[in-house]
């Protein structure tokens, strides 16, 4: 079961909240070429990782009964082959979706009851049994990719995102 902090927020809610501004901050000031530069040929670019975070937040909202259509289809799905950059949204569009998704996600998470959090998981993720477990997983997922954004940004010669 997800525990709540003194302010009533669950741990996943707090983690998503901490991460809210990191994606727009990571993209800030980068050129189009920098947005698409991957650290190696085996890594994703800043734009792809940021788009994946925004797309995943939209998917979490969908799990919680909210619709947020990005219009991006499966461009940012796990394991997707990166294609022609012209098919992808701009950094500004990814930022816009993040800024729309973040407050909606916080509100949806805050409105969940203990009964809803205890319902069976909807995704086949090993070790995940309840909606609360899924939300904890997606908060971890969000943080994992925020870390990648910080690493890529620093590799491009920009200041880090935190600390």
Protein backbone atom coordinates (compact mmCIF):
# COMPACT_ATOMS: atom_id res chain seq x y z
CA UNK A 1 0.00 0.00 0.00
CA UNK A 2 1.23 3.49 -0.79
CA UNK A 3 1.88 5.57 2.28
CA UNK A 4 1.07 9.25 2.44
CA UNK A 5 3.24 12.09 3.68
CA UNK A 6 2.09 14.56 6.33
CA UNK A 7 0.53 16.71 3.57
CA UNK A 8 -1.53 13.74 2.34
CA UNK A 9 0.51 13.15 -0.83
CA UNK A 10 1.65 9.64 -1.72
CA UNK A 11 5.31 8.91 -2.40
CA UNK A 12 4.69 8.60 -6.18
CA UNK A 13 2.87 11.95 -6.14
CA UNK A 14 5.85 13.59 -4.43
CA UNK A 15 8.33 11.99 -6.83
CA UNK A 16 6.39 13.09 -9.92
CA UNK A 17 6.13 16.58 -8.37
CA UNK A 18 9.88 16.74 -7.77
CA UNK A 19 10.47 15.77 -11.40
CA UNK A 20 7.84 18.12 -12.93
CA UNK A 21 10.17 20.94 -13.92
CA UNK A 22 13.23 18.87 -14.80
CA UNK A 23 12.10 17.95 -18.33
CA UNK A 24 11.42 21.55 -19.43
CA UNK A 25 14.61 22.64 -17.65
CA UNK A 26 16.61 19.94 -19.44
CA UNK A 27 15.37 21.10 -22.84
CA UNK A 28 15.82 24.80 -22.14
CA UNK A 29 18.29 26.56 -24.42
CA UNK A 30 19.21 23.54 -26.54
CA UNK A 31 19.40 23.83 -30.30
CA UNK A 32 17.51 21.43 -32.57
CA UNK A 33 20.79 19.68 -33.33
CA UNK A 34 21.58 19.31 -29.62
CA UNK A 35 18.09 17.95 -28.92
CA UNK A 36 18.82 15.13 -31.35
CA UNK A 37 22.46 14.45 -30.40
CA UNK A 38 22.74 11.14 -28.55
CA UNK A 39 25.75 10.50 -26.28
CA UNK A 40 26.58 7.37 -28.31
CA UNK A 41 25.01 5.42 -31.15
CA UNK A 42 23.56 3.10 -28.48
CA UNK A 43 21.75 5.84 -26.53
CA UNK A 44 18.69 7.97 -27.12
CA UNK A 45 18.78 11.71 -27.68
CA UNK A 46 17.55 14.36 -25.26
CA UNK A 47 14.39 14.92 -27.31
CA UNK A 48 13.55 11.22 -27.45
CA UNK A 49 14.00 10.73 -23.69
CA UNK A 50 11.95 13.86 -22.88
CA UNK A 51 9.22 12.78 -25.30
CA UNK A 52 9.20 9.32 -23.71
CA UNK A 53 8.72 10.86 -20.25
CA UNK A 54 5.87 13.07 -21.46
CA UNK A 55 4.24 10.19 -23.37
CA UNK A 56 4.50 7.92 -20.33
CA UNK A 57 2.89 10.56 -18.11
CA UNK A 58 0.02 10.72 -20.61
CA UNK A 59 -0.26 6.91 -20.37
CA UNK A 60 -0.34 7.05 -16.55
CA UNK A 61 -3.11 9.64 -16.78
CA UNK A 62 -4.99 7.24 -19.05
CA UNK A 63 -4.57 4.47 -16.43
CA UNK A 64 -6.19 6.85 -13.96
CA UNK A 65 -9.15 7.55 -16.25
CA UNK A 66 -7.94 10.83 -17.76
CA UNK A 67 -7.33 11.44 -21.45
CA UNK A 68 -4.35 13.38 -22.70
CA UNK A 69 -3.76 12.78 -26.38
CA UNK A 70 -0.27 13.74 -27.47
CA UNK A 71 -0.84 12.89 -31.12
CA UNK A 72 2.57 11.19 -31.17
CA UNK A 73 1.39 7.63 -31.62
CA UNK A 74 4.13 5.15 -30.73
CA UNK A 75 7.13 7.38 -31.58
CA UNK A 76 8.33 7.29 -27.97
CA UNK A 77 7.36 3.74 -27.01
CA UNK A 78 9.94 1.60 -25.27
CA UNK A 79 12.07 -0.12 -27.90
CA UNK A 80 10.81 2.09 -30.74
CA UNK A 81 13.25 2.61 -33.56
CA UNK A 82 14.07 6.29 -33.86
CA UNK A 83 13.22 7.57 -37.30
CA UNK A 84 13.25 10.79 -39.26
CA UNK A 85 13.45 13.74 -36.82
CA UNK A 86 10.85 15.62 -38.89
CA UNK A 87 8.20 13.11 -37.74
CA UNK A 88 8.76 14.04 -34.09
CA UNK A 89 7.39 16.94 -32.06
CA UNK A 90 9.65 19.88 -31.29
CA UNK A 91 11.25 20.40 -27.90
CA UNK A 92 8.70 23.18 -27.35
CA UNK A 93 5.84 20.75 -28.02
CA UNK A 94 7.29 18.18 -25.61
CA UNK A 95 7.58 20.93 -22.97
CA UNK A 96 3.96 21.96 -23.61
CA UNK A 97 2.70 18.41 -23.08
CA UNK A 98 4.76 18.06 -19.90
CA UNK A 99 3.36 21.33 -18.55
CA UNK A 100 -0.18 20.15 -19.35
CA UNK A 101 0.30 16.63 -18.00
CA UNK A 102 2.05 17.48 -14.74
CA UNK A 103 -0.72 19.32 -12.85
CA UNK A 104 -3.33 16.91 -14.19
CA UNK A 105 -1.26 13.96 -13.00
CA UNK A 106 -0.79 15.47 -9.52
CA UNK A 107 -4.53 16.12 -9.24
CA UNK A 108 -5.44 12.60 -10.41
CA UNK A 109 -2.96 11.01 -8.00
CA UNK A 110 -4.17 13.13 -5.09
CA UNK A 111 -7.78 12.13 -5.73
CA UNK A 112 -7.13 8.37 -5.50
CA UNK A 113 -8.72 6.52 -2.61
CA UNK A 114 -7.13 3.64 -0.72
CA UNK A 115 -9.63 1.33 -2.41
CA UNK A 116 -8.55 2.50 -5.86
CA UNK A 117 -4.87 2.15 -4.97
CA UNK A 118 -5.51 -1.45 -3.86
CA UNK A 119 -7.17 -2.50 -7.14
CA UNK A 120 -5.31 -5.09 -9.22
CA UNK A 121 -2.58 -3.85 -11.53
CA UNK A 122 -3.54 -3.40 -15.17
CA UNK A 123 -0.09 -3.96 -16.71
CA UNK A 124 1.95 -7.17 -16.73
CA UNK A 125 5.03 -5.89 -14.89
CA UNK A 126 6.86 -8.48 -12.76
CA UNK A 127 6.28 -7.95 -9.04
CA UNK A 128 3.55 -5.37 -9.58
CA UNK A 129 0.24 -6.39 -8.02
CA UNK A 130 -1.80 -3.22 -7.39
CA UNK A 131 -2.37 0.21 -8.88
CA UNK A 132 -0.24 1.60 -6.01
CA UNK A 133 2.60 -0.67 -7.16
CA UNK A 134 2.19 0.51 -10.75
CA UNK A 135 2.31 4.15 -9.68
CA UNK A 136 5.48 3.53 -7.66
CA UNK A 137 7.01 1.84 -10.72
CA UNK A 138 6.11 4.78 -12.98
CA UNK A 139 7.50 7.29 -10.46
CA UNK A 140 10.76 5.32 -10.53
CA UNK A 141 10.60 5.22 -14.35
CA UNK A 142 10.11 9.00 -14.44
CA UNK A 143 13.12 9.55 -12.17
CA UNK A 144 15.29 7.13 -14.16
CA UNK A 145 14.71 9.14 -17.32
CA UNK A 146 15.11 12.50 -15.59
CA UNK A 147 18.56 11.23 -14.57
CA UNK A 148 19.29 10.39 -18.19
CA UNK A 149 18.24 13.90 -19.24
CA UNK A 150 20.59 15.42 -16.66
CA UNK A 151 23.45 13.24 -17.87
CA UNK A 152 22.86 14.03 -21.55
CA UNK A 153 22.49 17.75 -20.85
CA UNK A 154 25.76 17.85 -18.92
CA UNK A 155 27.45 15.91 -21.73
CA UNK A 156 26.33 18.64 -24.12
CA UNK A 157 28.22 21.17 -22.00
CA UNK A 158 25.28 22.66 -20.10
CA UNK A 159 24.87 22.94 -16.33
CA UNK A 160 23.27 20.03 -14.49
CA UNK A 161 19.63 20.01 -13.51
CA UNK A 162 20.01 19.82 -9.73
CA UNK A 163 22.58 20.19 -7.01
